[in-house]
Amino acid sequence: MKAIKEDCIRMIVGKILWATDGSKESNDALKYAKLFAKTFDAEIIGIHVLRPVERKFLI
């Protein structure tokens, strides 16, 4: 396998989607989203997700 030159790999990241449900894991993921946003000068878009409502409550 040939070596890849660092200067030939480019990645453009403009927006990062961060989903949270309030858990520790999603809050930990925010740390990485911030790191990537700073590295790529990108915007973080957050979305709060909820558990599905049980059907018996919809009737």
Protein backbone atom coordinates (compact mmCIF):
# COMPACT_ATOMS: atom_id res chain seq x y z
CA MET A 1 0.00 0.00 0.00
CA LYS A 2 1.37 3.39 -0.97
CA ALA A 3 1.85 6.08 1.61
CA ILE A 4 -0.64 8.94 1.37
CA LYS A 5 0.72 12.46 1.61
CA GLU A 6 -0.94 14.47 4.36
CA ASP A 7 -1.41 17.51 2.17
CA CYS A 8 -3.54 15.62 -0.38
CA ILE A 9 -6.29 14.72 2.10
CA ARG A 10 -8.79 17.52 2.63
CA MET A 11 -12.04 17.42 4.48
CA ILE A 12 -14.55 20.24 4.54
CA VAL A 13 -16.94 20.20 7.46
CA GLY A 14 -19.36 23.10 7.75
CA LYS A 15 -21.99 21.76 10.14
CA ILE A 16 -21.99 19.12 12.86
CA LEU A 17 -25.26 17.61 14.08
CA TRP A 18 -25.23 16.84 17.80
CA ALA A 19 -28.19 14.88 19.12
CA THR A 20 -28.90 14.78 22.83
CA ASP A 21 -31.35 12.97 25.02
CA GLY A 22 -29.88 14.41 28.20
CA SER A 23 -27.79 11.31 28.90
CA LYS A 24 -24.18 11.34 30.05
CA GLU A 25 -23.14 9.77 26.75
CA SER A 26 -24.73 12.48 24.65
CA ASN A 27 -23.19 15.16 26.86
CA ASP A 28 -19.81 13.46 26.41
CA ALA A 29 -20.40 13.53 22.66
CA LEU A 30 -20.78 17.31 22.87
CA LYS A 31 -17.14 17.56 23.94
CA TYR A 32 -16.13 15.86 20.70
CA ALA A 33 -18.54 17.96 18.65
CA LYS A 34 -16.93 21.10 20.11
CA LEU A 35 -13.46 19.77 19.32
CA PHE A 36 -14.42 19.01 15.71
CA ALA A 37 -16.19 22.36 15.36
CA LYS A 38 -13.09 24.21 16.51
CA THR A 39 -10.80 22.10 14.33
CA PHE A 40 -12.88 22.57 11.17
CA ASP A 41 -14.29 26.01 12.00
CA ALA A 42 -17.75 24.43 11.80
CA GLU A 43 -21.15 25.17 13.28
CA ILE A 44 -22.81 22.81 15.78
CA ILE A 45 -26.51 22.19 15.34
CA GLY A 46 -28.15 20.59 18.35
CA ILE A 47 -31.28 18.49 18.36
CA HIS A 48 -33.02 17.19 21.47
CA VAL A 49 -34.52 13.76 21.02
CA LEU A 50 -37.23 12.19 23.17
CA ARG A 51 -38.30 8.64 23.74
CA PRO A 52 -41.36 7.62 21.74
CA VAL A 53 -44.65 8.10 23.56
CA GLU A 54 -46.36 4.83 24.40
CA ARG A 55 -49.41 4.20 22.29
CA LYS A 56 -51.71 3.70 25.31
CA PHE A 57 -51.22 7.39 26.16
CA LEU A 58 -52.27 8.48 22.68
CA ILE A 59 -55.73 6.88 22.84
